[in-house]
N, C-alpha and C. Protein backbone atom coordinates (compact mmCIF):
# COMPACT_ATOMS: atom_id res chain seq x y z
N MET A 1 40.12 -1.07 6.34
CA MET A 1 39.67 0.68 5.90
C MET A 1 38.78 -0.17 4.48
N ALA A 2 40.09 -1.31 3.79
CA ALA A 2 39.23 -2.15 2.25
C ALA A 2 38.61 -2.15 2.80
N ARG A 3 38.42 -3.12 3.90
CA ARG A 3 36.94 -3.86 3.66
C ARG A 3 36.16 -3.52 4.23
N ARG A 4 35.59 -1.20 4.70
CA ARG A 4 34.89 -1.20 4.94
C ARG A 4 34.67 -0.69 3.69
N ASN A 5 35.02 -0.24 2.79
CA ASN A 5 34.71 0.59 1.31
C ASN A 5 33.69 -1.06 0.19
N GLU A 6 34.90 -2.47 0.61
CA GLU A 6 34.15 -3.77 0.64
C GLU A 6 32.35 -3.41 0.55
N GLU A 7 32.38 -3.06 2.33
CA GLU A 7 31.13 -3.85 2.96
C GLU A 7 30.08 -1.63 1.76
N ARG A 8 30.33 -1.11 2.47
CA ARG A 8 29.81 0.09 1.58
C ARG A 8 29.42 -0.81 0.20
N GLY A 9 30.23 -0.59 -0.61
CA GLY A 9 29.77 -1.23 -2.63
C GLY A 9 29.22 -2.51 -1.56
N ASP A 10 28.81 -3.95 -0.92
CA ASP A 10 28.50 -4.16 -1.19
C ASP A 10 26.42 -3.38 -0.69
N ARG A 11 26.26 -2.68 0.26
CA ARG A 11 25.40 -2.45 0.85
C ARG A 11 24.79 -1.75 -0.82
N ARG A 12 26.10 -0.86 -1.11
CA ARG A 12 24.95 -0.40 -2.67
C ARG A 12 24.57 -0.89 -3.53
N ASN A 13 25.46 -1.73 -3.70
CA ASN A 13 25.02 -3.00 -4.71
C ASN A 13 23.91 -3.88 -4.25
N ARG A 14 23.56 -3.33 -3.11
CA ARG A 14 21.71 -4.33 -2.57
C ARG A 14 20.90 -3.52 -2.62
N GLU A 15 21.24 -2.07 -2.03
CA GLU A 15 19.84 -1.94 -2.52
C GLU A 15 19.85 -1.25 -4.14
N GLU A 16 20.88 -1.37 -4.97
CA GLU A 16 20.53 -0.64 -6.09
C GLU A 16 19.19 -1.53 -7.05
N GLU A 17 20.15 -3.07 -6.88
CA GLU A 17 19.41 -4.43 -6.91
C GLU A 17 17.56 -3.80 -6.14
N ARG A 18 17.59 -3.71 -5.46
CA ARG A 18 16.42 -3.79 -4.47
C ARG A 18 15.42 -2.39 -5.85
N ASP A 19 16.15 -1.57 -5.78
CA ASP A 19 15.41 -0.43 -6.13
C ASP A 19 15.13 -0.98 -7.77
N SER A 20 16.25 -1.95 -8.39
CA SER A 20 15.59 -1.76 -10.20
C SER A 20 14.48 -2.95 -9.60
N GLU A 21 14.07 -3.64 -8.47
CA GLU A 21 12.82 -4.46 -7.98
C GLU A 21 11.51 -3.66 -8.62
N LEU A 22 11.54 -2.35 -8.43
CA LEU A 22 10.46 -1.74 -7.92
C LEU A 22 9.71 -0.75 -9.49
N VAL A 23 8.68 -0.95 -9.23
CA VAL A 23 7.86 -0.77 -9.92
C VAL A 23 7.38 1.35 -9.40
N GLU A 24 7.74 1.74 -10.13
CA GLU A 24 7.05 3.25 -9.90
C GLU A 24 5.71 3.99 -10.87
N LYS A 25 4.61 4.45 -9.70
CA LYS A 25 3.40 5.27 -11.03
C LYS A 25 3.76 6.70 -10.85
N LEU A 26 3.32 7.34 -11.85
CA LEU A 26 2.52 8.50 -11.28
C LEU A 26 1.68 8.37 -11.39
N VAL A 27 0.86 9.04 -10.25
CA VAL A 27 -0.63 9.26 -9.74
C VAL A 27 -0.78 10.08 -10.04
N HIS A 28 -0.12 11.24 -9.98
CA HIS A 28 -0.95 13.02 -9.98
C HIS A 28 0.06 13.56 -10.08
N ILE A 29 0.49 14.46 -11.17
CA ILE A 29 0.75 15.55 -11.65
C ILE A 29 -0.07 17.42 -11.85
N ASN A 30 0.28 18.09 -11.12
CA ASN A 30 -0.34 19.13 -10.94
C ASN A 30 0.97 21.20 -11.41
N ARG A 31 -0.05 21.20 -11.62
CA ARG A 31 1.21 22.61 -11.68
C ARG A 31 0.25 23.48 -11.12
N VAL A 32 1.05 24.03 -10.18
CA VAL A 32 1.08 25.58 -9.29
C VAL A 32 1.64 26.04 -9.13
N ALA A 33 1.24 27.76 -8.80
CA ALA A 33 2.09 28.88 -9.38
C ALA A 33 1.83 30.02 -8.02
N ALA A 34 2.96 30.50 -7.88
CA ALA A 34 3.58 31.44 -6.95
C ALA A 34 3.57 32.39 -7.61
N THR A 35 2.14 33.81 -6.69
CA THR A 35 2.44 35.05 -7.09
C THR A 35 3.77 35.39 -6.71
N VAL A 36 4.48 36.47 -7.14
CA VAL A 36 5.72 36.62 -6.70
C VAL A 36 5.93 38.02 -7.75
N LYS A 37 7.11 39.34 -6.93
CA LYS A 37 6.57 39.98 -8.01
C LYS A 37 6.25 40.56 -9.10
N GLY A 38 7.46 39.97 -10.12
CA GLY A 38 7.17 40.23 -11.12
C GLY A 38 5.97 39.29 -11.88
N GLY A 39 5.32 38.24 -11.31
CA GLY A 39 3.88 37.75 -11.79
C GLY A 39 4.12 36.87 -11.41
N ARG A 40 3.96 35.38 -11.96
CA ARG A 40 3.63 34.44 -11.51
C ARG A 40 4.61 33.42 -11.41
N ARG A 41 5.38 32.70 -10.44
CA ARG A 41 5.72 31.47 -10.71
C ARG A 41 5.56 30.76 -10.91
N PHE A 42 5.71 29.51 -12.09
CA PHE A 42 5.10 28.35 -12.40
C PHE A 42 5.91 26.96 -11.38
N SER A 43 5.42 26.42 -10.64
CA SER A 43 6.07 24.94 -11.13
C SER A 43 5.56 23.76 -10.70
N PHE A 44 6.56 22.29 -10.79
CA PHE A 44 5.05 21.23 -10.80
C PHE A 44 5.16 20.21 -9.64
N ALA A 45 3.93 19.97 -9.51
CA ALA A 45 4.30 18.87 -7.64
C ALA A 45 3.24 17.51 -8.45
N ALA A 46 4.03 16.56 -8.37
CA ALA A 46 4.56 15.21 -8.46
C ALA A 46 3.67 14.71 -7.54
N LEU A 47 3.39 13.13 -7.77
CA LEU A 47 2.32 12.64 -6.77
C LEU A 47 2.75 11.20 -7.48
N MET A 48 3.47 10.09 -6.60
CA MET A 48 4.53 8.79 -6.91
C MET A 48 3.98 7.95 -6.08
N VAL A 49 3.63 6.85 -6.86
CA VAL A 49 3.23 5.17 -5.77
C VAL A 49 4.29 4.65 -6.46
N VAL A 50 5.37 3.67 -4.95
CA VAL A 50 6.41 3.34 -5.23
C VAL A 50 6.20 1.83 -4.75
N GLY A 51 6.41 0.19 -6.03
CA GLY A 51 5.69 -0.72 -4.10
C GLY A 51 7.60 -1.77 -5.85
N ASP A 52 7.15 -2.78 -4.81
CA ASP A 52 8.29 -4.20 -5.22
C ASP A 52 7.38 -5.24 -5.97
N GLN A 53 5.55 -5.13 -5.76
CA GLN A 53 4.89 -5.99 -6.16
C GLN A 53 4.48 -7.64 -5.81
N LYS A 54 5.60 -7.02 -3.84
CA LYS A 54 5.16 -8.78 -3.61
C LYS A 54 4.81 -8.43 -1.77
N GLY A 55 4.17 -7.17 -1.92
CA GLY A 55 3.81 -6.57 -0.13
C GLY A 55 4.46 -5.67 0.30
N ARG A 56 5.38 -5.18 -0.85
CA ARG A 56 5.89 -3.61 0.07
C ARG A 56 5.32 -2.12 -0.94
N VAL A 57 5.44 -1.39 -0.81
CA VAL A 57 4.69 0.73 -1.14
C VAL A 57 4.77 1.30 -0.75
N GLY A 58 4.95 2.39 -0.87
CA GLY A 58 5.21 3.18 -0.41
C GLY A 58 4.49 4.36 -1.42
N PHE A 59 4.08 6.12 -1.12
CA PHE A 59 4.34 6.84 -2.02
C PHE A 59 4.58 8.17 -1.24
N GLY A 60 4.35 8.89 -2.04
CA GLY A 60 5.27 10.42 -2.50
C GLY A 60 4.65 11.42 -3.13
N HIS A 61 5.32 12.25 -2.28
CA HIS A 61 5.55 14.23 -2.98
C HIS A 61 6.52 14.90 -3.32
N GLY A 62 6.58 15.42 -4.11
CA GLY A 62 7.54 15.98 -4.59
C GLY A 62 6.57 17.32 -5.34
N LYS A 63 8.07 18.38 -5.54
CA LYS A 63 7.94 20.02 -5.78
C LYS A 63 8.99 20.33 -6.35
N ALA A 64 8.81 21.28 -7.93
CA ALA A 64 10.28 21.28 -8.10
C ALA A 64 9.94 22.34 -9.62
N ARG A 65 10.37 22.94 -9.97
CA ARG A 65 9.90 23.94 -11.39
C ARG A 65 10.54 23.13 -12.75
N GLU A 66 10.72 22.16 -12.82
CA GLU A 66 10.47 20.98 -14.41
C GLU A 66 10.03 19.74 -13.55
N VAL A 67 9.49 19.47 -14.13
CA VAL A 67 8.13 18.57 -14.42
C VAL A 67 9.46 16.81 -13.76
N PRO A 68 10.31 16.22 -14.33
CA PRO A 68 10.97 15.55 -14.26
C PRO A 68 11.85 15.41 -12.80
N GLU A 69 11.80 16.88 -12.38
CA GLU A 69 12.36 16.70 -11.26
C GLU A 69 12.06 16.82 -9.96
N ALA A 70 10.32 17.16 -10.04
CA ALA A 70 9.33 16.76 -9.14
C ALA A 70 8.79 15.32 -9.23
N ILE A 71 8.87 14.83 -10.12
CA ILE A 71 9.23 13.04 -9.79
C ILE A 71 9.97 12.39 -9.01
N ARG A 72 11.48 12.84 -9.77
CA ARG A 72 12.17 12.15 -9.11
C ARG A 72 12.62 12.09 -8.01
N LYS A 73 11.90 13.70 -7.02
CA LYS A 73 11.77 13.88 -5.42
C LYS A 73 11.03 12.72 -5.28
N ALA A 74 9.74 12.94 -5.41
CA ALA A 74 8.49 12.17 -5.48
C ALA A 74 8.81 10.79 -5.32
N THR A 75 9.51 9.90 -6.14
CA THR A 75 9.92 8.86 -5.59
C THR A 75 11.05 8.53 -4.78
N GLU A 76 11.72 8.94 -4.94
CA GLU A 76 12.79 9.36 -3.85
C GLU A 76 11.69 8.81 -1.96
N GLU A 77 10.91 9.95 -2.24
CA GLU A 77 10.64 10.33 -0.93
C GLU A 77 9.50 9.35 -0.95
N ALA A 78 9.13 8.56 -1.74
CA ALA A 78 8.20 7.31 -1.62
C ALA A 78 9.34 6.05 -1.09
N LYS A 79 10.21 5.93 -1.85
CA LYS A 79 10.92 5.11 -1.27
C LYS A 79 11.22 5.22 -0.10
N LYS A 80 11.37 6.18 0.40
CA LYS A 80 11.72 6.33 1.84
C LYS A 80 10.36 5.85 2.85
N SER A 81 9.35 6.23 1.93
CA SER A 81 7.90 5.86 3.26
C SER A 81 7.77 4.16 3.10
N MET A 82 8.24 3.03 2.75
CA MET A 82 7.47 1.94 2.28
C MET A 82 6.96 1.69 2.94
N ILE A 83 6.15 1.09 3.35
CA ILE A 83 5.32 -0.42 4.55
C ILE A 83 5.19 -1.37 3.57
N ARG A 84 4.93 -3.02 4.58
CA ARG A 84 4.88 -3.63 4.85
C ARG A 84 3.78 -4.00 4.45
N VAL A 85 2.47 -4.97 3.08
CA VAL A 85 1.46 -5.06 4.17
C VAL A 85 1.56 -7.16 3.49
N PRO A 86 0.97 -7.30 4.74
CA PRO A 86 1.05 -9.60 5.17
C PRO A 86 -0.58 -9.08 3.23
N LEU A 87 0.05 -9.60 2.37
CA LEU A 87 -1.05 -10.95 1.67
C LEU A 87 -1.12 -12.38 1.95
N ARG A 88 -2.47 -12.32 1.32
CA ARG A 88 -2.84 -14.28 1.06
C ARG A 88 -2.22 -14.76 -0.63
N GLU A 89 -2.06 -15.65 0.63
CA GLU A 89 -1.54 -16.19 -1.47
C GLU A 89 -0.46 -15.50 -1.84
N SER A 90 -0.26 -14.39 -1.73
CA SER A 90 0.44 -13.87 -2.09
C SER A 90 -0.16 -12.67 -3.85
N ARG A 91 -1.61 -12.28 -4.01
CA ARG A 91 -2.32 -12.04 -5.08
C ARG A 91 -3.49 -11.63 -4.58
N THR A 92 -4.22 -12.00 -2.42
CA THR A 92 -4.73 -11.04 -2.34
C THR A 92 -4.75 -10.48 -0.27
N LEU A 93 -5.98 -9.65 -0.51
CA LEU A 93 -5.74 -9.52 0.99
C LEU A 93 -5.80 -10.69 2.15
N HIS A 94 -6.44 -9.95 3.46
CA HIS A 94 -6.73 -11.31 4.04
C HIS A 94 -8.14 -10.63 4.97
N HIS A 95 -7.93 -9.70 5.10
CA HIS A 95 -10.10 -9.20 4.70
C HIS A 95 -9.75 -7.75 4.44
N ASP A 96 -11.27 -7.61 4.35
CA ASP A 96 -11.56 -6.14 4.07
C ASP A 96 -11.30 -5.11 5.04
N GLY A 97 -11.42 -3.81 4.54
CA GLY A 97 -11.31 -2.98 5.32
C GLY A 97 -11.36 -1.60 4.53
N ASN A 98 -11.25 -0.83 5.72
CA ASN A 98 -11.96 0.77 4.93
C ASN A 98 -10.82 1.94 6.21
N GLY A 99 -10.73 2.31 5.05
CA GLY A 99 -9.99 3.39 5.36
C GLY A 99 -10.50 5.25 4.87
N ARG A 100 -9.96 5.96 5.53
CA ARG A 100 -10.31 7.51 5.23
C ARG A 100 -9.08 8.85 5.31
N TRP A 101 -9.28 10.00 4.60
CA TRP A 101 -7.78 10.55 5.12
C TRP A 101 -8.72 12.22 5.19
N GLY A 102 -8.92 12.97 5.41
CA GLY A 102 -9.37 13.60 5.25
C GLY A 102 -11.10 13.68 4.79
N ALA A 103 -11.37 13.64 3.66
CA ALA A 103 -12.98 13.46 2.56
C ALA A 103 -12.90 12.87 2.30
N GLY A 104 -11.53 11.43 2.20
CA GLY A 104 -11.54 11.15 1.28
C GLY A 104 -11.74 9.53 1.96
N LYS A 105 -12.55 8.13 1.01
CA LYS A 105 -12.71 7.64 2.40
C LYS A 105 -12.99 6.06 1.30
N VAL A 106 -12.22 4.99 1.72
CA VAL A 106 -11.78 3.81 0.29
C VAL A 106 -12.28 2.58 1.26
N MET A 107 -12.84 1.33 0.34
CA MET A 107 -13.31 0.83 0.46
C MET A 107 -12.15 -0.76 0.30
N VAL A 108 -11.47 -1.57 0.91
CA VAL A 108 -11.01 -2.87 -0.45
C VAL A 108 -11.01 -3.74 0.46
N ARG A 109 -11.76 -4.67 -0.67
CA ARG A 109 -12.15 -6.34 0.12
C ARG A 109 -11.58 -7.33 -1.17
N ALA A 110 -11.20 -8.31 0.41
CA ALA A 110 -10.06 -9.83 -0.72
C ALA A 110 -10.98 -10.46 -1.30
N ALA A 111 -10.64 -10.54 -2.35
CA ALA A 111 -11.46 -11.14 -3.64
C ALA A 111 -11.47 -13.15 -4.57
N PRO A 112 -11.80 -13.71 -5.15
CA PRO A 112 -11.30 -15.08 -5.32
C PRO A 112 -10.34 -14.29 -6.56
N PRO A 113 -10.05 -15.85 -6.71
CA PRO A 113 -9.06 -15.85 -7.94
C PRO A 113 -9.77 -15.73 -9.21
N GLY A 114 -9.25 -14.34 -9.94
CA GLY A 114 -9.79 -14.10 -11.38
C GLY A 114 -10.36 -13.07 -11.55
N THR A 115 -10.48 -12.07 -10.23
CA THR A 115 -10.74 -10.89 -9.91
C THR A 115 -10.68 -10.24 -11.27
N GLY A 116 -9.54 -10.00 -10.40
CA GLY A 116 -8.31 -8.60 -10.61
C GLY A 116 -8.56 -7.53 -10.06
N VAL A 117 -8.27 -6.51 -10.16
CA VAL A 117 -7.99 -5.26 -9.49
C VAL A 117 -9.47 -4.23 -10.24
N ILE A 118 -10.60 -4.73 -9.46
CA ILE A 118 -11.47 -3.26 -9.18
C ILE A 118 -11.09 -2.41 -9.10
N ALA A 119 -10.43 -1.00 -9.16
CA ALA A 119 -10.07 0.31 -8.42
C ALA A 119 -10.33 1.25 -9.26
N GLY A 120 -10.04 1.87 -8.90
CA GLY A 120 -10.20 3.42 -10.15
C GLY A 120 -9.66 4.42 -9.19
N GLY A 121 -8.13 4.67 -10.77
CA GLY A 121 -7.92 5.79 -10.73
C GLY A 121 -6.37 5.64 -9.44
N PRO A 122 -5.74 6.78 -8.50
CA PRO A 122 -5.10 6.58 -7.32
C PRO A 122 -5.03 5.13 -6.87
N MET A 123 -5.94 4.95 -6.16
CA MET A 123 -6.37 3.33 -6.02
C MET A 123 -5.52 2.45 -6.82
N ARG A 124 -5.94 1.98 -7.61
CA ARG A 124 -5.20 0.80 -8.15
C ARG A 124 -4.21 1.09 -8.13
N ALA A 125 -3.09 2.55 -8.39
CA ALA A 125 -1.98 2.58 -8.62
C ALA A 125 -1.33 1.49 -7.37
N VAL A 126 -1.66 2.36 -6.43
CA VAL A 126 -1.35 1.73 -5.36
C VAL A 126 -1.45 0.55 -4.96
N LEU A 127 -2.67 -0.27 -5.12
CA LEU A 127 -2.88 -2.19 -4.96
C LEU A 127 -1.91 -2.33 -6.56
N GLU A 128 -1.83 -2.16 -7.01
CA GLU A 128 -1.04 -2.59 -8.10
C GLU A 128 0.30 -2.21 -8.25
N THR A 129 1.09 -1.74 -7.58
CA THR A 129 2.35 -1.74 -7.16
C THR A 129 2.62 -2.11 -6.09
N LEU A 130 1.24 -2.73 -5.14
CA LEU A 130 1.27 -3.07 -3.89
C LEU A 130 1.87 -5.41 -4.31
N GLY A 131 0.78 -5.12 -5.55
CA GLY A 131 1.08 -6.70 -5.49
C GLY A 131 0.00 -7.58 -5.63
N VAL A 132 -1.40 -6.67 -5.61
CA VAL A 132 -2.37 -7.62 -5.07
C VAL A 132 -2.69 -7.52 -6.56
N GLN A 133 -3.04 -8.96 -7.52
CA GLN A 133 -3.76 -9.76 -8.37
C GLN A 133 -5.90 -9.20 -8.24
N ASP A 134 -6.00 -10.35 -7.15
CA ASP A 134 -7.69 -9.44 -7.12
C ASP A 134 -7.68 -9.03 -6.30
N VAL A 135 -8.94 -8.53 -5.76
CA VAL A 135 -9.07 -7.18 -5.04
C VAL A 135 -10.22 -6.15 -5.65
N VAL A 136 -11.37 -5.66 -4.97
CA VAL A 136 -12.32 -5.32 -5.25
C VAL A 136 -12.46 -3.56 -4.74
N GLY A 137 -12.24 -3.16 -4.53
CA GLY A 137 -11.76 -1.24 -3.85
C GLY A 137 -13.63 -0.42 -4.98
N LYS A 138 -12.92 0.12 -3.46
CA LYS A 138 -14.24 1.30 -4.13
C LYS A 138 -14.02 2.76 -2.76
N SER A 139 -14.17 3.52 -3.88
CA SER A 139 -14.05 5.22 -2.95
C SER A 139 -14.66 5.50 -2.86
N THR A 140 -15.87 6.29 -1.83
CA THR A 140 -16.22 6.72 -2.04
C THR A 140 -16.20 7.89 -1.27
N GLY A 141 -16.74 9.79 -1.34
CA GLY A 141 -16.29 10.65 -0.87
C GLY A 141 -14.97 11.33 -1.82
N SER A 142 -14.17 11.76 -1.30
CA SER A 142 -13.17 13.14 -2.24
C SER A 142 -13.26 12.27 -3.38
N SER A 143 -12.80 12.76 -4.82
CA SER A 143 -11.83 11.85 -5.74
C SER A 143 -10.16 12.93 -5.16
N ASN A 144 -10.11 13.74 -4.63
CA ASN A 144 -8.87 14.03 -4.60
C ASN A 144 -7.57 12.77 -4.68
N PRO A 145 -6.81 13.13 -4.77
CA PRO A 145 -5.60 12.70 -5.58
C PRO A 145 -4.86 11.64 -4.41
N TYR A 146 -4.54 13.33 -3.45
CA TYR A 146 -3.67 13.05 -2.46
C TYR A 146 -4.63 12.31 -1.76
N ASN A 147 -5.68 12.61 -0.93
CA ASN A 147 -6.34 12.18 0.00
C ASN A 147 -7.13 10.20 -0.39
N MET A 148 -7.56 10.16 -1.41
CA MET A 148 -6.95 8.78 -2.00
C MET A 148 -6.45 8.00 -1.59
N VAL A 149 -5.11 8.15 -2.34
CA VAL A 149 -4.14 7.67 -1.99
C VAL A 149 -3.11 7.36 -0.25
N ARG A 150 -4.40 8.64 0.61
CA ARG A 150 -2.98 8.33 1.73
C ARG A 150 -4.80 7.73 2.57
N ALA A 151 -5.32 8.19 2.06
CA ALA A 151 -6.94 6.45 2.75
C ALA A 151 -6.98 5.27 1.70
N THR A 152 -6.36 4.84 0.75
CA THR A 152 -6.03 3.30 0.93
C THR A 152 -4.73 3.40 1.77
N PHE A 153 -3.86 4.50 1.80
CA PHE A 153 -3.18 3.98 2.07
C PHE A 153 -3.20 3.08 4.15
N GLU A 154 -4.29 4.11 4.43
CA GLU A 154 -4.56 3.79 5.38
C GLU A 154 -5.24 2.50 6.40
N ALA A 155 -6.09 2.06 5.56
CA ALA A 155 -6.77 0.70 5.00
C ALA A 155 -5.73 -0.25 5.09
N LEU A 156 -5.02 -0.11 4.62
CA LEU A 156 -3.93 -0.89 4.04
C LEU A 156 -2.62 -1.49 5.60
N LYS A 157 -2.79 -0.03 6.12
CA LYS A 157 -2.37 -0.50 7.27
C LYS A 157 -2.44 -0.74 7.85
N ALA A 158 -3.98 -1.33 7.93
CA ALA A 158 -5.08 -2.40 9.11
C ALA A 158 -5.50 -3.63 8.81
N GLN A 159 -4.39 -3.81 7.67
CA GLN A 159 -4.39 -5.30 7.86
C GLN A 159 -3.62 -6.54 8.40
N SER A 160 -4.23 -7.05 8.60
CA SER A 160 -3.33 -7.82 9.80
C SER A 160 -3.15 -9.68 8.69
N SER A 161 -2.29 -10.56 9.25
CA SER A 161 -2.06 -12.29 8.74
C SER A 161 -2.67 -12.82 10.23
N PRO A 162 -3.31 -13.69 9.31
CA PRO A 162 -3.18 -14.53 10.50
C PRO A 162 -2.44 -15.42 11.72
N ARG A 163 -1.49 -15.05 11.17
CA ARG A 163 -0.01 -15.27 12.01
C ARG A 163 0.18 -14.02 12.29
N GLN A 164 0.27 -13.23 12.51
CA GLN A 164 0.10 -11.91 13.13
C GLN A 164 -0.79 -12.08 14.49
N VAL A 165 -2.26 -12.35 14.31
CA VAL A 165 -3.53 -11.84 14.97
C VAL A 165 -2.55 -13.49 15.89
N ALA A 166 -2.93 -14.52 15.97
CA ALA A 166 -2.39 -15.35 16.03
C ALA A 166 -1.76 -15.18 17.72
N ALA A 167 0.03 -14.37 16.59
CA ALA A 167 0.91 -13.81 18.00
C ALA A 167 0.18 -12.55 18.83
N LYS A 168 -0.70 -11.39 18.68
CA LYS A 168 -0.92 -11.35 19.75
C LYS A 168 -1.81 -11.69 20.52
N ARG A 169 -2.88 -13.01 19.97
CA ARG A 169 -3.82 -13.26 21.03
C ARG A 169 -3.10 -14.34 22.31
N GLY A 170 -1.54 -15.44 21.19
CA GLY A 170 -0.87 -15.69 21.98
C GLY A 170 -1.75 -17.65 22.11
N LYS A 171 -2.39 -17.53 20.70
CA LYS A 171 -2.81 -18.59 19.67
C LYS A 171 -2.24 -18.95 19.19
N LYS A 172 -2.10 -20.58 18.18
CA LYS A 172 -1.40 -21.14 17.44
C LYS A 172 -2.46 -20.19 15.58
N VAL A 173 -2.62 -21.08 15.15
CA VAL A 173 -2.40 -20.30 13.57
C VAL A 173 -3.74 -21.21 13.23
N SER A 174 -4.02 -21.83 13.29
CA SER A 174 -4.45 -23.39 13.50
C SER A 174 -6.01 -22.90 14.18
N ASP A 175 -5.91 -21.66 15.10
CA ASP A 175 -6.78 -21.82 15.70
C ASP A 175 -7.61 -20.84 15.66
N VAL A 176 -7.32 -20.06 15.35
CA VAL A 176 -6.91 -18.60 14.31
C VAL A 176 -8.40 -18.77 13.30
N ILE A 177 -7.75 -18.81 12.86
CA ILE A 177 -8.42 -20.18 11.51
C ILE A 177 -9.61 -20.92 11.67
N GLY A 178 -9.13 -21.94 12.28
CA GLY A 178 -10.06 -23.05 12.65
C GLY A 178 -11.43 -21.91 12.91
N ARG A 179 -11.59 -20.54 13.83
CA ARG A 179 -12.38 -20.64 14.89
C ARG A 179 -13.49 -19.12 13.96
N HIS A 180 -12.64 -19.10 13.00
CA HIS A 180 -12.68 -17.87 11.39
C HIS A 180 -13.51 -18.72 10.48
N ALA A 181 -13.33 -19.61 10.31
CA ALA A 181 -13.65 -20.70 8.74
C ALA A 181 -15.15 -22.25 9.62
N ASP A 182 -15.03 -22.63 10.93
CA ASP A 182 -15.83 -22.92 11.56
C ASP A 182 -16.76 -22.45 12.27
N GLY A 183 -16.37 -21.80 12.77
CA GLY A 183 -17.50 -20.68 14.09
C GLY A 183 -18.61 -21.42 14.75
N ALA A 184 -19.51 -21.00 13.68
CA ALA A 184 -20.42 -22.04 13.82
C ALA A 184 -21.12 -23.35 14.34
N SER A 185 -20.65 -24.00 13.20
CA SER A 185 -20.30 -25.32 13.11
C SER A 185 -19.65 -26.02 14.31
N ALA A 186 -18.58 -25.44 15.27
CA ALA A 186 -17.30 -26.18 16.04
C ALA A 186 -18.80 -25.34 17.62
N ALA A 187 -19.39 -24.43 17.34
CA ALA A 187 -19.85 -24.47 18.63
C ALA A 187 -20.85 -24.92 18.71
N GLN A 188 -22.09 -25.90 17.84
CA GLN A 188 -23.31 -26.33 17.26
C GLN A 188 -23.25 -27.44 18.54
N PRO A 189 -21.99 -28.45 18.41
CA PRO A 189 -22.29 -30.00 18.76
C PRO A 189 -21.79 -29.42 20.35
N ALA A 190 -21.33 -28.56 20.26
CA ALA A 190 -21.21 -28.76 22.35
C ALA A 190 -22.48 -28.04 22.49
N ALA A 191 -23.17 -27.34 22.09
CA ALA A 191 -24.40 -27.25 22.37
C ALA A 191 -25.23 -27.95 22.56
N ASP A 192 -25.19 -29.02 21.48
CA ASP A 192 -25.83 -30.08 22.08
C ASP A 192 -25.42 -31.01 22.46
N ALA A 193 -23.94 -31.22 22.41
CA ALA A 193 -23.44 -32.14 23.93
C ALA A 193 -24.36 -31.64 26.01
N GLU A 194 -24.59 -30.20 25.74
CA GLU A 194 -25.17 -29.69 27.03
C GLU A 194 -26.44 -30.22 27.26
N GLY A 195 -26.91 -30.19 26.15
CA GLY A 195 -27.95 -29.65 26.14
C GLY A 195 -29.07 -31.65 26.10
């Protein structure tokens, strides 16, 4: 019995440690009204983004009568819905990507060192909490923060590392990277040898 309680305590401590490392960003807060018999009842809707700045990020939406409670609910939901995104050199994305959700369309591109996070609004919050230091993002279409955040997540979910691609194709990582880097130059000598 005591051992089980110790295990629970250890698990709780690990969860608290993980939570303390997380960065929380409030993306949007909205006052919404419900019309009831006595008039209007106001409440608040919050959109939060949570990440560990090491490749994990999540977003959540919370609604309550008070702002702090709405933020707390959104943060809890964001922690539950975290995804892992592979990063190159722990600073940028592996490749370009596009995401779409409703009328919100986003494009993210890998960038060289020193570029910084070039993205606006909700997209910037997602990329900063993810831990990307060099990236270029562009949003076209809807500026609705909910759709922009979801579209950004769609673009990030499509990211894959060379290791994942190599595993899918049953090849070595060097084969996947080598072909990408020297595709034209490797094909040229083979054509010369045949000719």
